[in-house]
Amino acid sequence: MKKVIVTTTINPPTEAIEKFQSMPDWELVVIGDKKTPADYRLRRGTYVAPEEQEKYDPALSEAIGWNCIQRRSFGLLWARDMGADVVAVVDDDNIPLEGWGDNLLVDRDTEVHYYETDLPAFDPVGATNHRLLWHRGFPLQLLTKRDYSHKSRKTVRVDIQADFWNGDPDIDAVCRMEHAPECSFDPGCFPMAANKIGPFNSQNTFLRGACLKDYFLFPHVGRMDDIWASFYLQAKGYRAVWGQASVYQQRNVHDLVRDMKQEYPGYENNLKLVQDLAADPESILAYLPGRSAWAFELYRRHFKNA
């Protein structure tokens, strides 16, 4: 089985990158940006410099733009070209815990805690031992309506394994400003799945290779790039399961007010978006700025003859 780790960075190799490139069963692909150190080197793995990306698909490069985490979509294309069966999408501040990437659930029938909700979206964070928190991208209008009482055991086939993160979790700026949490998630809460769309991110998430044709990190929509990608992928019929924490999130420095502004497209649109996607996955296009929709089309062209 070909297993590929994909990330992007503007930093010298971090503790997380050092650990990821030392994993013998995985191949690491790091996508560079204009701010990435010019002398960036890996001991083991593939570093894709900006000029290589430009040569690979100049139109897609222009549509995505520079100095943004959405350059990571080039890593998805690299993984596709490498014949990846499983792709792990990570951040360079996700320090893997012991056993990271072992016993993968992807492409397996897995027994999960299964939640049924009448809401249009499911929040996985609220189903853990940190019930006051919520996942980045969960519609804020639904926070007070979350209900986890309809829980059973069910076996599902896993396309996406969205593992959690101890330490500073992936919550939105409002939640982080209010709670400033340091989390240790109870492994007994996992794995979990639901009957409705739920957010997952592009840090510490494992994808079946077949997902790549429909998984794209939308540029020019702020910090909804990976959230809208997760909604779209599930609306297309791929099954997401949330797994126990397998990294420690030693979060890079962030300006929380700036983060909040970057999350505003979600605050405004996520509730309506998940409702529309349930009826028609391609309704995502109505929410994308023109340049983002153009980038999505250019990305999908790489899979049309696959």
Protein backbone atom coordinates (compact mmCIF):
# COMPACT_ATOMS: atom_id res chain seq x y z
CA MET A 1 0.00 0.00 0.00
CA LYS A 2 1.35 3.40 -1.01
CA LYS A 3 0.97 5.92 1.84
CA VAL A 4 1.83 9.59 1.33
CA ILE A 5 1.93 12.49 3.80
CA VAL A 6 1.19 15.93 2.30
CA THR A 7 1.79 19.33 3.86
CA THR A 8 2.91 22.85 3.03
CA THR A 9 5.13 25.18 5.02
CA ILE A 10 6.77 28.58 5.21
CA ASN A 11 9.06 27.44 8.04
CA PRO A 12 12.34 25.56 8.23
CA PRO A 13 11.76 21.87 9.00
CA THR A 14 9.82 21.70 12.27
CA GLU A 15 9.74 19.00 14.94
CA ALA A 16 6.64 17.58 13.26
CA ILE A 17 8.32 17.47 9.82
CA GLU A 18 11.39 15.77 11.31
CA LYS A 19 9.17 13.03 12.75
CA PHE A 20 7.05 12.61 9.64
CA GLN A 21 10.05 12.23 7.35
CA SER A 22 11.45 9.52 9.66
CA MET A 23 8.43 7.21 9.21
CA PRO A 24 9.62 4.31 7.04
CA ASP A 25 6.15 3.25 5.83
CA TRP A 26 5.21 6.72 4.58
CA GLU A 27 6.50 9.08 1.89
CA LEU A 28 6.49 12.79 2.71
CA VAL A 29 5.66 15.55 0.22
CA VAL A 30 6.22 19.15 1.34
CA ILE A 31 4.88 21.93 -0.88
CA GLY A 32 6.88 25.14 -0.78
CA ASP A 33 5.67 28.72 -0.97
CA LYS A 34 7.32 32.04 -1.76
CA LYS A 35 8.02 32.51 1.98
CA THR A 36 9.54 29.06 2.45
CA PRO A 37 13.31 29.29 3.12
CA ALA A 38 15.22 29.07 -0.13
CA ASP A 39 17.54 26.43 1.34
CA TYR A 40 14.70 24.15 2.52
CA ARG A 41 15.85 20.53 2.51
CA LEU A 42 14.48 17.19 3.61
CA ARG A 43 16.54 14.20 4.71
CA ARG A 44 13.90 11.86 3.36
CA GLY A 45 11.00 12.95 1.25
CA THR A 46 10.09 15.26 -1.62
CA TYR A 47 10.21 19.04 -1.40
CA VAL A 48 8.31 20.71 -4.26
CA ALA A 49 9.69 24.20 -4.79
CA PRO A 50 7.54 27.05 -6.16
CA GLU A 51 9.14 26.89 -9.60
CA GLU A 52 8.29 23.18 -9.89
CA GLN A 53 4.65 23.93 -9.11
CA GLU A 54 4.61 26.69 -11.71
CA LYS A 55 5.98 24.29 -14.31
CA TYR A 56 3.50 21.53 -13.35
CA ASP A 57 0.37 23.67 -13.85
CA PRO A 58 0.94 27.42 -14.29
CA ALA A 59 -2.78 28.21 -14.61
CA LEU A 60 -3.65 26.42 -11.36
CA SER A 61 -0.72 28.10 -9.64
CA GLU A 62 -1.99 31.50 -10.70
CA ALA A 63 -5.56 30.72 -9.70
CA ILE A 64 -4.56 29.61 -6.20
CA GLY A 65 -2.06 32.41 -5.62
CA TRP A 66 0.95 32.53 -3.34
CA ASN A 67 1.61 32.79 0.39
CA CYS A 68 -1.42 30.69 1.28
CA ILE A 69 -1.92 27.23 2.75
CA GLN A 70 -4.06 26.24 -0.24
CA ARG A 71 -0.84 25.57 -2.16
CA ARG A 72 -1.25 22.21 -0.43
CA SER A 73 -3.56 21.14 -3.25
CA PHE A 74 -0.43 20.71 -5.38
CA GLY A 75 0.62 18.10 -2.82
CA LEU A 76 -2.62 16.22 -3.45
CA LEU A 77 -1.76 16.13 -7.15
CA TRP A 78 1.76 14.93 -6.35
CA ALA A 79 0.30 12.16 -4.19
CA ARG A 80 -2.09 11.19 -6.99
CA ASP A 81 0.83 10.98 -9.44
CA MET A 82 2.71 8.79 -6.93
CA GLY A 83 -0.20 6.35 -6.91
CA ALA A 84 -1.14 6.95 -3.29
CA ASP A 85 -3.67 4.56 -1.79
CA VAL A 86 -3.87 6.67 1.38
CA VAL A 87 -3.01 10.35 1.78
CA ALA A 88 -2.43 11.95 5.17
CA VAL A 89 -2.89 15.72 5.09
CA VAL A 90 -1.09 17.40 8.01
CA ASP A 91 0.14 20.76 9.28
CA ASP A 92 3.78 21.37 10.12
CA ASP A 93 2.82 21.99 13.77
CA ASN A 94 1.02 18.62 14.17
CA ILE A 95 3.54 16.64 16.22
CA PRO A 96 2.68 12.95 15.71
CA LEU A 97 2.10 10.87 18.83
CA GLU A 98 3.37 7.32 19.30
CA GLY A 99 1.54 5.04 16.90
CA TRP A 100 0.49 7.78 14.46
CA GLY A 101 -0.66 6.22 11.18
CA ASP A 102 -0.79 2.69 12.56
CA ASN A 103 -3.99 0.66 12.39
CA LEU A 104 -5.58 2.90 9.78
CA LEU A 105 -9.36 2.77 9.45
CA VAL A 106 -9.39 4.01 5.84
CA ASP A 107 -11.00 1.60 3.36
CA ARG A 108 -12.05 -0.72 6.20
CA ASP A 109 -15.36 -1.67 7.77
CA THR A 110 -15.17 -0.13 11.24
CA GLU A 111 -17.50 -0.19 14.24
CA VAL A 112 -18.11 3.36 15.46
CA HIS A 113 -20.13 5.42 17.90
CA TYR A 114 -22.89 6.48 15.52
CA TYR A 115 -24.85 9.68 16.14
CA GLU A 116 -28.15 10.58 14.53
CA THR A 117 -29.27 14.19 14.49
CA ASP A 118 -32.14 16.12 12.97
CA LEU A 119 -29.87 19.14 12.52
CA PRO A 120 -28.36 19.75 9.07
CA ALA A 121 -24.82 19.31 10.47
CA PHE A 122 -22.96 17.30 13.12
CA ASP A 123 -20.28 18.68 15.44
CA PRO A 124 -17.78 15.95 16.43
CA VAL A 125 -16.03 18.03 19.12
CA GLY A 126 -19.21 18.37 21.17
CA ALA A 127 -19.45 14.56 21.32
CA THR A 128 -16.19 14.34 23.29
CA ASN A 129 -15.19 15.07 26.88
CA HIS A 130 -14.79 18.75 25.85
CA ARG A 131 -18.48 19.45 25.29
CA LEU A 132 -18.26 23.25 25.57
CA LEU A 133 -16.02 23.46 22.49
CA TRP A 134 -16.97 23.13 18.83
CA HIS A 135 -15.14 22.33 15.60
CA ARG A 136 -14.08 25.15 13.32
CA GLY A 137 -16.73 25.43 10.62
CA PHE A 138 -19.67 24.06 12.56
CA PRO A 139 -22.59 26.48 11.98
CA LEU A 140 -22.76 28.77 15.01
CA GLN A 141 -26.54 29.02 14.72
CA LEU A 142 -26.75 25.34 15.73
CA LEU A 143 -24.52 25.42 18.82
CA THR A 144 -27.29 25.54 21.42
CA LYS A 145 -29.25 22.85 19.56
CA ARG A 146 -26.58 20.14 19.59
CA ASP A 147 -27.98 16.87 20.91
CA TYR A 148 -25.94 13.69 21.28
CA SER A 149 -28.62 11.54 22.89
CA HIS A 150 -29.33 9.43 19.77
CA LYS A 151 -26.22 7.27 19.88
CA SER A 152 -25.73 3.67 18.82
CA ARG A 153 -23.06 1.30 17.53
CA LYS A 154 -22.80 0.83 13.80
CA THR A 155 -20.33 -0.56 11.27
CA VAL A 156 -19.39 1.79 8.44
CA ARG A 157 -16.95 1.73 5.51
CA VAL A 158 -14.39 4.50 6.02
CA ASP A 159 -13.27 6.84 3.23
CA ILE A 160 -11.95 9.64 5.47
CA GLN A 161 -10.37 9.25 8.90
CA ALA A 162 -10.25 12.67 10.55
CA ASP A 163 -8.08 12.19 13.62
CA PHE A 164 -8.24 14.67 16.49
CA TRP A 165 -5.43 16.71 18.05
CA ASN A 166 -4.47 17.04 21.71
CA GLY A 167 -3.14 20.37 22.88
CA ASP A 168 -4.59 23.38 21.05
CA PRO A 169 -7.48 21.85 19.02
CA ASP A 170 -9.02 22.96 15.73
CA ILE A 171 -11.74 25.23 17.03
CA ASP A 172 -12.74 28.59 15.56
CA ALA A 173 -11.40 31.94 16.74
CA VAL A 174 -14.50 32.79 18.79
CA CYS A 175 -14.24 29.50 20.68
CA ARG A 176 -10.49 29.90 21.16
CA MET A 177 -10.78 33.47 22.48
CA GLU A 178 -13.47 32.38 24.92
CA HIS A 179 -11.94 29.11 26.18
CA ALA A 180 -8.20 29.08 25.25
CA PRO A 181 -8.26 25.32 25.79
CA GLU A 182 -5.48 22.81 26.31
CA CYS A 183 -7.17 19.53 25.43
CA SER A 184 -6.63 15.87 26.08
CA PHE A 185 -9.40 14.02 24.24
CA ASP A 186 -10.72 10.80 25.76
CA PRO A 187 -9.91 7.93 23.34
CA GLY A 188 -13.14 6.23 24.44
CA CYS A 189 -15.13 8.81 22.47
CA PHE A 190 -13.75 7.48 19.19
CA PRO A 191 -14.13 6.47 16.45
CA MET A 192 -17.39 8.29 15.71
CA ALA A 193 -19.57 8.99 12.69
CA ALA A 194 -22.95 10.58 12.06
CA ASN A 195 -25.90 10.64 9.70
CA LYS A 196 -25.19 14.26 8.68
CA ILE A 197 -22.29 16.26 7.29
CA GLY A 198 -19.70 17.35 9.85
CA PRO A 199 -16.57 19.48 9.55
CA PHE A 200 -13.10 18.00 9.32
CA ASN A 201 -9.91 19.83 8.52
CA SER A 202 -6.73 19.42 6.49
CA GLN A 203 -4.55 18.72 9.50
CA ASN A 204 -4.16 15.13 10.63
CA THR A 205 -6.73 13.72 8.20
CA PHE A 206 -6.32 10.46 6.26
CA LEU A 207 -8.02 10.11 2.88
CA ARG A 208 -8.57 7.15 0.60
CA GLY A 209 -6.73 7.83 -2.66
CA ALA A 210 -10.03 7.68 -4.55
CA CYS A 211 -11.15 10.82 -2.67
CA LEU A 212 -8.52 13.02 -4.27
CA LYS A 213 -10.50 13.77 -7.42
CA ASP A 214 -13.17 15.47 -5.28
CA TYR A 215 -11.00 16.90 -2.51
CA PHE A 216 -9.69 20.41 -3.11
CA LEU A 217 -8.68 23.11 -0.65
CA PHE A 218 -10.63 26.09 -1.93
CA PRO A 219 -8.57 29.31 -2.15
CA HIS A 220 -9.92 32.81 -1.53
CA VAL A 221 -12.52 31.77 1.07
CA GLY A 222 -10.43 32.47 4.15
CA ARG A 223 -10.23 29.74 6.77
CA MET A 224 -13.10 27.84 5.20
CA ASP A 225 -10.78 26.29 2.58
CA ASP A 226 -10.61 22.84 4.17
CA ILE A 227 -14.00 23.04 5.90
CA TRP A 228 -15.88 23.56 2.64
CA ALA A 229 -13.72 20.84 1.10
CA SER A 230 -14.90 18.49 3.87
CA PHE A 231 -18.55 19.41 3.38
CA TYR A 232 -18.30 18.91 -0.38
CA LEU A 233 -16.56 15.54 -0.08
CA GLN A 234 -19.21 14.17 2.29
CA ALA A 235 -22.02 15.58 0.12
CA LYS A 236 -20.53 13.54 -2.75
CA GLY A 237 -21.12 10.41 -0.67
CA TYR A 238 -17.74 9.76 0.97
CA ARG A 239 -17.98 8.54 4.58
CA ALA A 240 -16.09 10.48 7.25
CA VAL A 241 -15.15 8.97 10.60
CA TRP A 242 -13.50 10.99 13.36
CA GLY A 243 -10.66 9.18 15.14
CA GLN A 244 -8.89 9.62 18.45
CA ALA A 245 -6.17 12.23 18.84
CA SER A 246 -2.94 11.10 17.19
CA VAL A 247 -0.99 14.38 17.18
CA TYR A 248 -0.15 17.11 19.64
CA GLN A 249 -1.06 20.46 18.14
CA GLN A 250 1.72 22.89 19.07
CA ARG A 251 -0.05 25.66 17.23
CA ASN A 252 1.99 28.21 15.30
CA VAL A 253 1.50 31.84 16.36
CA HIS A 254 -1.85 33.24 15.17
CA ASP A 255 -3.61 36.59 15.36
CA LEU A 256 -7.04 35.52 16.60
CA VAL A 257 -8.79 38.65 15.37
CA ARG A 258 -7.36 38.05 11.91
CA ASP A 259 -8.43 34.40 12.16
CA MET A 260 -11.95 35.51 13.06
CA LYS A 261 -12.12 37.74 10.00
CA GLN A 262 -10.85 34.85 7.86
CA GLU A 263 -13.60 32.64 9.31
CA TYR A 264 -16.39 35.09 8.57
CA PRO A 265 -17.38 33.41 5.26
CA GLY A 266 -18.27 30.40 7.37
CA TYR A 267 -20.14 32.30 10.06
CA GLU A 268 -22.26 33.82 7.33
CA ASN A 269 -22.72 30.86 4.97
CA ASN A 270 -22.13 27.47 6.60
CA LEU A 271 -25.67 26.75 7.74
CA LYS A 272 -27.17 27.47 4.33
CA LEU A 273 -24.28 25.71 2.60
CA VAL A 274 -24.74 22.37 4.37
CA GLN A 275 -28.47 22.55 3.63
CA ASP A 276 -27.84 23.22 -0.06
CA LEU A 277 -25.17 20.54 -0.35
CA ALA A 278 -27.55 17.92 0.99
CA ALA A 279 -29.71 18.55 -2.07
CA ASP A 280 -26.95 19.12 -4.65
CA PRO A 281 -23.19 18.81 -4.02
CA GLU A 282 -22.41 21.10 -6.98
CA SER A 283 -24.22 23.95 -5.21
CA ILE A 284 -20.78 24.62 -3.66
CA LEU A 285 -20.00 26.60 -6.82
CA ALA A 286 -22.55 29.27 -5.89
CA TYR A 287 -20.55 30.01 -2.73
CA LEU A 288 -17.13 30.29 -4.36
CA PRO A 289 -15.58 33.51 -5.67
CA GLY A 290 -14.84 33.30 -9.38
CA ARG A 291 -11.12 32.75 -8.95
CA SER A 292 -11.75 29.91 -6.48
CA ALA A 293 -14.24 28.20 -8.82
CA TRP A 294 -11.71 28.56 -11.64
CA ALA A 295 -9.00 26.93 -9.50
CA PHE A 296 -11.36 24.07 -8.63
CA GLU A 297 -12.09 23.42 -12.29
CA LEU A 298 -8.37 23.46 -13.16
CA TYR A 299 -7.67 21.00 -10.34
CA ARG A 300 -10.45 18.64 -11.45
CA ARG A 301 -9.11 18.59 -15.00
CA HIS A 302 -6.18 16.50 -13.73
CA PHE A 303 -8.62 13.67 -12.97
CA LYS A 304 -10.91 13.76 -16.01
CA ASN A 305 -9.03 11.06 -17.91
CA ALA A 306 -8.13 9.02 -14.84
